[in-house]
């Protein structure tokens, strides 16, 4: 795909994202099954046409979740 994009034969719209996440074997599947993740059906409009600063909020609205009620910090009690 990267070569196609470089040769202008790839998709018209694309986003490059880099990161690192790791799970033990089966851990992600278990977390999904237990409801530890919010999943949202995606589409081109959400990914490519929604401003970056609005993507989380708009994704949450699709499943009836007000993302502004979530905290953006982790800690220990």
Foldseek 3Di string as FASTA:
>chain_A
DVVCVVVVNDDPDDDDDDDDDDDDVPPVVVCVVVVVDDDADDDCCLVPVDPPVCSVCVRCVRVPHRCVVDDPDDDDD
